[in-house]
Amino acid sequence: MTNESQRNDSDNTGKGLFYAALACFFVGIAAIVTVFFVHSLSEGDPGLALYLLTLACPLGFVLAVAYALRSGRRSH
């Protein structure tokens, strides 16, 4: 394999990591906003599943940091 084909393969997997980070982060943000709306508009507490979905936000942040570290260029 040449260096160029190795870069293309790593770019494709890196983009997938980036998109997964974005998706997790926005799902987490949407769940956090939904928890506040459910709590303020109804008398019941939000369900456990909604609270567990809020954990997608920090997971997305960790994936984004991993993407940034992985895609960074090394100095020679």
PDB file of N, CA and C in Angstrom:
ATOM      1  N   MET A   1       0.826  -1.173   0.000  1.00  0.00           N
ATOM      2  CA  MET A   1       0.000   0.000   0.000  1.00  0.00           C
ATOM      3  C   MET A   1       0.874   1.241   0.000  1.00  0.00           C
ATOM      4  N   THR A   2       0.469   2.220  -0.741  1.00  0.00           N
ATOM      5  CA  THR A   2       1.231   3.459  -0.756  1.00  0.00           C
ATOM      6  C   THR A   2       0.748   4.364   0.368  1.00  0.00           C
ATOM      7  N   ASN A   3       1.516   5.397   0.626  1.00  0.00           N
ATOM      8  CA  ASN A   3       1.137   6.339   1.685  1.00  0.00           C
ATOM      9  C   ASN A   3      -0.167   7.043   1.374  1.00  0.00           C
ATOM     10  N   GLU A   4      -0.403   7.335   0.086  1.00  0.00           N
ATOM     11  CA  GLU A   4      -1.626   8.032  -0.287  1.00  0.00           C
ATOM     12  C   GLU A   4      -2.859   7.172  -0.027  1.00  0.00           C
ATOM     13  N   SER A   5      -2.798   5.890  -0.366  1.00  0.00           N
ATOM     14  CA  SER A   5      -3.949   5.018  -0.121  1.00  0.00           C
ATOM     15  C   SER A   5      -4.157   4.791   1.367  1.00  0.00           C
ATOM     16  N   GLN A   6      -3.081   4.783   2.149  1.00  0.00           N
ATOM     17  CA  GLN A   6      -3.237   4.664   3.597  1.00  0.00           C
ATOM     18  C   GLN A   6      -3.896   5.906   4.168  1.00  0.00           C
ATOM     19  N   ARG A   7      -3.562   7.076   3.649  1.00  0.00           N
ATOM     20  CA  ARG A   7      -4.196   8.310   4.115  1.00  0.00           C
ATOM     21  C   ARG A   7      -5.679   8.323   3.790  1.00  0.00           C
ATOM     22  N   ASN A   8      -6.032   7.866   2.582  1.00  0.00           N
ATOM     23  CA  ASN A   8      -7.447   7.846   2.208  1.00  0.00           C
ATOM     24  C   ASN A   8      -8.241   6.914   3.100  1.00  0.00           C
ATOM     25  N   ASP A   9      -7.671   5.755   3.448  1.00  0.00           N
ATOM     26  CA  ASP A   9      -8.357   4.817   4.329  1.00  0.00           C
ATOM     27  C   ASP A   9      -8.534   5.421   5.720  1.00  0.00           C
ATOM     28  N   SER A  10      -7.506   6.086   6.225  1.00  0.00           N
ATOM     29  CA  SER A  10      -7.610   6.677   7.559  1.00  0.00           C
ATOM     30  C   SER A  10      -8.541   7.878   7.546  1.00  0.00           C
ATOM     31  N   ASP A  11      -8.626   8.609   6.422  1.00  0.00           N
ATOM     32  CA  ASP A  11      -9.556   9.732   6.335  1.00  0.00           C
ATOM     33  C   ASP A  11     -10.997   9.249   6.386  1.00  0.00           C
ATOM     34  N   ASN A  12     -11.270   8.124   5.721  1.00  0.00           N
ATOM     35  CA  ASN A  12     -12.634   7.593   5.729  1.00  0.00           C
ATOM     36  C   ASN A  12     -13.047   7.134   7.123  1.00  0.00           C
ATOM     37  N   THR A  13     -12.164   6.468   7.842  1.00  0.00           N
ATOM     38  CA  THR A  13     -12.506   6.034   9.190  1.00  0.00           C
ATOM     39  C   THR A  13     -12.544   7.225  10.142  1.00  0.00           C
ATOM     40  N   GLY A  14     -11.711   8.212   9.895  1.00  0.00           N
ATOM     41  CA  GLY A  14     -11.715   9.408  10.724  1.00  0.00           C
ATOM     42  C   GLY A  14     -13.001  10.198  10.555  1.00  0.00           C
ATOM     43  N   LYS A  15     -13.498  10.282   9.335  1.00  0.00           N
ATOM     44  CA  LYS A  15     -14.766  10.988   9.098  1.00  0.00           C
ATOM     45  C   LYS A  15     -15.917  10.277   9.800  1.00  0.00           C
ATOM     46  N   GLY A  16     -15.874   8.957   9.830  1.00  0.00           N
ATOM     47  CA  GLY A  16     -16.908   8.212  10.543  1.00  0.00           C
ATOM     48  C   GLY A  16     -16.894   8.505  12.032  1.00  0.00           C
ATOM     49  N   LEU A  17     -15.697   8.615  12.589  1.00  0.00           N
ATOM     50  CA  LEU A  17     -15.562   8.965  14.003  1.00  0.00           C
ATOM     51  C   LEU A  17     -16.077  10.370  14.263  1.00  0.00           C
ATOM     52  N   PHE A  18     -15.802  11.280  13.337  1.00  0.00           N
ATOM     53  CA  PHE A  18     -16.274  12.654  13.468  1.00  0.00           C
ATOM     54  C   PHE A  18     -17.799  12.709  13.428  1.00  0.00           C
ATOM     55  N   TYR A  19     -18.404  12.001  12.484  1.00  0.00           N
ATOM     56  CA  TYR A  19     -19.867  12.002  12.373  1.00  0.00           C
ATOM     57  C   TYR A  19     -20.526  11.317  13.571  1.00  0.00           C
ATOM     58  N   ALA A  20     -19.894  10.279  14.089  1.00  0.00           N
ATOM     59  CA  ALA A  20     -20.421   9.621  15.288  1.00  0.00           C
ATOM     60  C   ALA A  20     -20.355  10.555  16.488  1.00  0.00           C
ATOM     61  N   ALA A  21     -19.270  11.322  16.590  1.00  0.00           N
ATOM     62  CA  ALA A  21     -19.139  12.290  17.680  1.00  0.00           C
ATOM     63  C   ALA A  21     -20.216  13.359  17.583  1.00  0.00           C
ATOM     64  N   LEU A  22     -20.440  13.872  16.385  1.00  0.00           N
ATOM     65  CA  LEU A  22     -21.488  14.887  16.206  1.00  0.00           C
ATOM     66  C   LEU A  22     -22.868  14.336  16.537  1.00  0.00           C
ATOM     67  N   ALA A  23     -23.141  13.132  16.064  1.00  0.00           N
ATOM     68  CA  ALA A  23     -24.457  12.538  16.311  1.00  0.00           C
ATOM     69  C   ALA A  23     -24.685  12.314  17.803  1.00  0.00           C
ATOM     70  N   CYS A  24     -23.696  11.769  18.490  1.00  0.00           N
ATOM     71  CA  CYS A  24     -23.839  11.537  19.931  1.00  0.00           C
ATOM     72  C   CYS A  24     -24.012  12.847  20.685  1.00  0.00           C
ATOM     73  N   PHE A  25     -23.229  13.855  20.320  1.00  0.00           N
ATOM     74  CA  PHE A  25     -23.301  15.130  21.014  1.00  0.00           C
ATOM     75  C   PHE A  25     -24.681  15.763  20.849  1.00  0.00           C
ATOM     76  N   PHE A  26     -25.211  15.772  19.622  1.00  0.00           N
ATOM     77  CA  PHE A  26     -26.504  16.400  19.398  1.00  0.00           C
ATOM     78  C   PHE A  26     -27.662  15.595  19.980  1.00  0.00           C
ATOM     79  N   VAL A  27     -27.541  14.279  20.011  1.00  0.00           N
ATOM     80  CA  VAL A  27     -28.559  13.460  20.690  1.00  0.00           C
ATOM     81  C   VAL A  27     -28.568  13.775  22.179  1.00  0.00           C
ATOM     82  N   GLY A  28     -27.380  13.919  22.760  1.00  0.00           N
ATOM     83  CA  GLY A  28     -27.283  14.269  24.178  1.00  0.00           C
ATOM     84  C   GLY A  28     -27.863  15.644  24.480  1.00  0.00           C
ATOM     85  N   ILE A  29     -27.566  16.630  23.626  1.00  0.00           N
ATOM     86  CA  ILE A  29     -28.109  17.976  23.818  1.00  0.00           C
ATOM     87  C   ILE A  29     -29.635  17.949  23.703  1.00  0.00           C
ATOM     88  N   ALA A  30     -30.156  17.237  22.720  1.00  0.00           N
ATOM     89  CA  ALA A  30     -31.608  17.138  22.557  1.00  0.00           C
ATOM     90  C   ALA A  30     -32.242  16.458  23.769  1.00  0.00           C
ATOM     91  N   ALA A  31     -31.591  15.457  24.327  1.00  0.00           N
ATOM     92  CA  ALA A  31     -32.124  14.778  25.512  1.00  0.00           C
ATOM     93  C   ALA A  31     -32.102  15.698  26.727  1.00  0.00           C
ATOM     94  N   ILE A  32     -31.062  16.503  26.868  1.00  0.00           N
ATOM     95  CA  ILE A  32     -30.995  17.450  27.988  1.00  0.00           C
ATOM     96  C   ILE A  32     -32.121  18.469  27.891  1.00  0.00           C
ATOM     97  N   VAL A  33     -32.336  19.008  26.707  1.00  0.00           N
ATOM     98  CA  VAL A  33     -33.423  19.981  26.507  1.00  0.00           C
ATOM     99  C   VAL A  33     -34.770  19.321  26.770  1.00  0.00           C
ATOM    100  N   THR A  34     -34.933  18.087  26.325  1.00  0.00           N
ATOM    101  CA  THR A  34     -36.191  17.370  26.542  1.00  0.00           C
ATOM    102  C   THR A  34     -36.437  17.108  28.020  1.00  0.00           C
ATOM    103  N   VAL A  35     -35.389  16.795  28.773  1.00  0.00           N
ATOM    104  CA  VAL A  35     -35.547  16.586  30.222  1.00  0.00           C
ATOM    105  C   VAL A  35     -36.086  17.852  30.870  1.00  0.00           C
ATOM    106  N   PHE A  36     -35.552  19.009  30.493  1.00  0.00           N
ATOM    107  CA  PHE A  36     -36.037  20.262  31.068  1.00  0.00           C
ATOM    108  C   PHE A  36     -37.482  20.540  30.675  1.00  0.00           C
ATOM    109  N   PHE A  37     -37.835  20.277  29.412  1.00  0.00           N
ATOM    110  CA  PHE A  37     -39.211  20.502  28.979  1.00  0.00           C
ATOM    111  C   PHE A  37     -40.180  19.556  29.671  1.00  0.00           C
ATOM    112  N   VAL A  38     -39.825  18.305  29.762  1.00  0.00           N
ATOM    113  CA  VAL A  38     -40.712  17.327  30.414  1.00  0.00           C
ATOM    114  C   VAL A  38     -40.885  17.679  31.882  1.00  0.00           C
ATOM    115  N   HIS A  39     -39.814  18.067  32.519  1.00  0.00           N
ATOM    116  CA  HIS A  39     -39.890  18.395  33.944  1.00  0.00           C
ATOM    117  C   HIS A  39     -40.708  19.658  34.189  1.00  0.00           C
ATOM    118  N   SER A  40     -40.604  20.643  33.313  1.00  0.00           N
ATOM    119  CA  SER A  40     -41.328  21.896  33.532  1.00  0.00           C
ATOM    120  C   SER A  40     -42.776  21.839  33.055  1.00  0.00           C
ATOM    121  N   LEU A  41     -43.077  21.018  32.062  1.00  0.00           N
ATOM    122  CA  LEU A  41     -44.430  21.001  31.504  1.00  0.00           C
ATOM    123  C   LEU A  41     -45.326  19.905  32.082  1.00  0.00           C
ATOM    124  N   SER A  42     -44.763  18.955  32.762  1.00  0.00           N
ATOM    125  CA  SER A  42     -45.585  17.900  33.351  1.00  0.00           C
ATOM    126  C   SER A  42     -45.245  17.764  34.827  1.00  0.00           C
ATOM    127  N   GLU A  43     -46.097  17.065  35.536  1.00  0.00           N
ATOM    128  CA  GLU A  43     -45.875  16.892  36.971  1.00  0.00           C
ATOM    129  C   GLU A  43     -45.023  15.670  37.279  1.00  0.00           C
ATOM    130  N   GLY A  44     -44.839  14.810  36.302  1.00  0.00           N
ATOM    131  CA  GLY A  44     -44.038  13.607  36.512  1.00  0.00           C
ATOM    132  C   GLY A  44     -42.566  13.844  36.190  1.00  0.00           C
ATOM    133  N   ASP A  45     -41.755  12.941  36.644  1.00  0.00           N
ATOM    134  CA  ASP A  45     -40.331  13.006  36.330  1.00  0.00           C
ATOM    135  C   ASP A  45     -40.077  12.372  34.968  1.00  0.00           C
ATOM    136  N   PRO A  46     -39.047  12.841  34.273  1.00  0.00           N
ATOM    137  CA  PRO A  46     -38.676  12.182  33.010  1.00  0.00           C
ATOM    138  C   PRO A  46     -38.231  10.746  33.282  1.00  0.00           C
ATOM    139  N   GLY A  47     -38.377   9.897  32.300  1.00  0.00           N
ATOM    140  CA  GLY A  47     -38.026   8.497  32.464  1.00  0.00           C
ATOM    141  C   GLY A  47     -36.526   8.267  32.516  1.00  0.00           C
ATOM    142  N   LEU A  48     -36.158   7.096  32.978  1.00  0.00           N
ATOM    143  CA  LEU A  48     -34.757   6.713  33.089  1.00  0.00           C
ATOM    144  C   LEU A  48     -34.086   6.691  31.721  1.00  0.00           C
ATOM    145  N   ALA A  49     -34.807   6.268  30.703  1.00  0.00           N
ATOM    146  CA  ALA A  49     -34.228   6.201  29.357  1.00  0.00           C
ATOM    147  C   ALA A  49     -33.813   7.589  28.878  1.00  0.00           C
ATOM    148  N   LEU A  50     -34.585   8.600  29.225  1.00  0.00           N
ATOM    149  CA  LEU A  50     -34.241   9.956  28.826  1.00  0.00           C
ATOM    150  C   LEU A  50     -32.988  10.439  29.545  1.00  0.00           C
ATOM    151  N   TYR A  51     -32.872  10.096  30.819  1.00  0.00           N
ATOM    152  CA  TYR A  51     -31.658  10.451  31.557  1.00  0.00           C
ATOM    153  C   TYR A  51     -30.435   9.718  31.005  1.00  0.00           C
ATOM    154  N   LEU A  52     -30.617   8.476  30.590  1.00  0.00           N
ATOM    155  CA  LEU A  52     -29.505   7.732  30.011  1.00  0.00           C
ATOM    156  C   LEU A  52     -29.085   8.289  28.652  1.00  0.00           C
ATOM    157  N   LEU A  53     -30.047   8.833  27.905  1.00  0.00           N
ATOM    158  CA  LEU A  53     -29.715   9.447  26.622  1.00  0.00           C
ATOM    159  C   LEU A  53     -28.884  10.711  26.796  1.00  0.00           C
ATOM    160  N   THR A  54     -29.005  11.372  27.944  1.00  0.00           N
ATOM    161  CA  THR A  54     -28.189  12.569  28.167  1.00  0.00           C
ATOM    162  C   THR A  54     -26.703  12.228  28.252  1.00  0.00           C
ATOM    163  N   LEU A  55     -26.384  10.982  28.537  1.00  0.00           N
ATOM    164  CA  LEU A  55     -24.984  10.571  28.599  1.00  0.00           C
ATOM    165  C   LEU A  55     -24.331  10.523  27.220  1.00  0.00           C
ATOM    166  N   ALA A  56     -25.127  10.654  26.166  1.00  0.00           N
ATOM    167  CA  ALA A  56     -24.561  10.689  24.818  1.00  0.00           C
ATOM    168  C   ALA A  56     -23.783  11.984  24.583  1.00  0.00           C
ATOM    169  N   CYS A  57     -24.122  13.035  25.316  1.00  0.00           N
ATOM    170  CA  CYS A  57     -23.422  14.312  25.148  1.00  0.00           C
ATOM    171  C   CYS A  57     -21.947  14.215  25.545  1.00  0.00           C
ATOM    172  N   PRO A  58     -21.616  13.766  26.748  1.00  0.00           N
ATOM    173  CA  PRO A  58     -20.187  13.631  27.044  1.00  0.00           C
ATOM    174  C   PRO A  58     -19.497  12.545  26.216  1.00  0.00           C
ATOM    175  N   LEU A  59     -20.238  11.525  25.808  1.00  0.00           N
ATOM    176  CA  LEU A  59     -19.658  10.512  24.930  1.00  0.00           C
ATOM    177  C   LEU A  59     -19.267  11.136  23.595  1.00  0.00           C
ATOM    178  N   GLY A  60     -20.123  11.995  23.066  1.00  0.00           N
ATOM    179  CA  GLY A  60     -19.802  12.695  21.825  1.00  0.00           C
ATOM    180  C   GLY A  60     -18.593  13.592  21.984  1.00  0.00           C
ATOM    181  N   PHE A  61     -18.467  14.222  23.142  1.00  0.00           N
ATOM    182  CA  PHE A  61     -17.303  15.068  23.402  1.00  0.00           C
ATOM    183  C   PHE A  61     -16.024  14.242  23.425  1.00  0.00           C
ATOM    184  N   VAL A  62     -16.064  13.092  24.069  1.00  0.00           N
ATOM    185  CA  VAL A  62     -14.889  12.219  24.135  1.00  0.00           C
ATOM    186  C   VAL A  62     -14.529  11.706  22.737  1.00  0.00           C
ATOM    187  N   LEU A  63     -15.526  11.352  21.953  1.00  0.00           N
ATOM    188  CA  LEU A  63     -15.261  10.910  20.585  1.00  0.00           C
ATOM    189  C   LEU A  63     -14.665  12.035  19.745  1.00  0.00           C
ATOM    190  N   ALA A  64     -15.118  13.266  19.966  1.00  0.00           N
ATOM    191  CA  ALA A  64     -14.564  14.398  19.228  1.00  0.00           C
ATOM    192  C   ALA A  64     -13.109  14.646  19.608  1.00  0.00           C
ATOM    193  N   VAL A  65     -12.787  14.508  20.871  1.00  0.00           N
ATOM    194  CA  VAL A  65     -11.390  14.656  21.302  1.00  0.00           C
ATOM    195  C   VAL A  65     -10.539  13.543  20.692  1.00  0.00           C
ATOM    196  N   ALA A  66     -11.066  12.329  20.665  1.00  0.00           N
ATOM    197  CA  ALA A  66     -10.328  11.219  20.050  1.00  0.00           C
ATOM    198  C   ALA A  66     -10.120  11.467  18.564  1.00  0.00           C
ATOM    199  N   TYR A  67     -11.121  12.012  17.899  1.00  0.00           N
ATOM    200  CA  TYR A  67     -10.979  12.349  16.478  1.00  0.00           C
ATOM    201  C   TYR A  67      -9.909  13.414  16.280  1.00  0.00           C
ATOM    202  N   ALA A  68      -9.914  14.436  17.122  1.00  0.00           N
ATOM    203  CA  ALA A  68      -8.930  15.503  16.993  1.00  0.00           C
ATOM    204  C   ALA A  68      -7.512  14.993  17.228  1.00  0.00           C
ATOM    205  N   LEU A  69      -7.350  14.127  18.205  1.00  0.00           N
ATOM    206  CA  LEU A  69      -6.023  13.578  18.473  1.00  0.00           C
ATOM    207  C   LEU A  69      -5.562  12.648  17.360  1.00  0.00           C
ATOM    208  N   ARG A  70      -6.504  11.901  16.819  1.00  0.00           N
ATOM    209  CA  ARG A  70      -6.155  10.933  15.772  1.00  0.00           C
ATOM    210  C   ARG A  70      -5.863  11.614  14.447  1.00  0.00           C
ATOM    211  N   SER A  71      -6.563  12.700  14.149  1.00  0.00           N
ATOM    212  CA  SER A  71      -6.399  13.340  12.854  1.00  0.00           C
ATOM    213  C   SER A  71      -5.320  14.424  12.869  1.00  0.00           C
ATOM    214  N   GLY A  72      -4.770  14.717  14.035  1.00  0.00           N
ATOM    215  CA  GLY A  72      -3.733  15.742  14.109  1.00  0.00           C
ATOM    216  C   GLY A  72      -2.474  15.310  13.375  1.00  0.00           C
ATOM    217  N   ARG A  73      -1.789  16.277  12.834  1.00  0.00           N
ATOM    218  CA  ARG A  73      -0.556  15.968  12.093  1.00  0.00           C
ATOM    219  C   ARG A  73       0.613  15.973  13.057  1.00  0.00           C
ATOM    220  N   ARG A  74       1.518  15.048  12.836  1.00  0.00           N
ATOM    221  CA  ARG A  74       2.709  14.961  13.669  1.00  0.00           C
ATOM    222  C   ARG A  74       3.791  15.862  13.088  1.00  0.00           C
ATOM    223  N   SER A  75       4.508  16.508  13.968  1.00  0.00           N
ATOM    224  CA  SER A  75       5.633  17.334  13.496  1.00  0.00           C
ATOM    225  C   SER A  75       6.867  16.462  13.331  1.00  0.00           C
ATOM    226  N   HIS A  76       7.649  16.770  12.363  1.00  0.00           N
ATOM    227  CA  HIS A  76       8.845  15.957  12.075  1.00  0.00           C
ATOM    228  C   HIS A  76      10.071  16.621  12.613  1.00  0.00           C
TER     229      HIS A  76
END
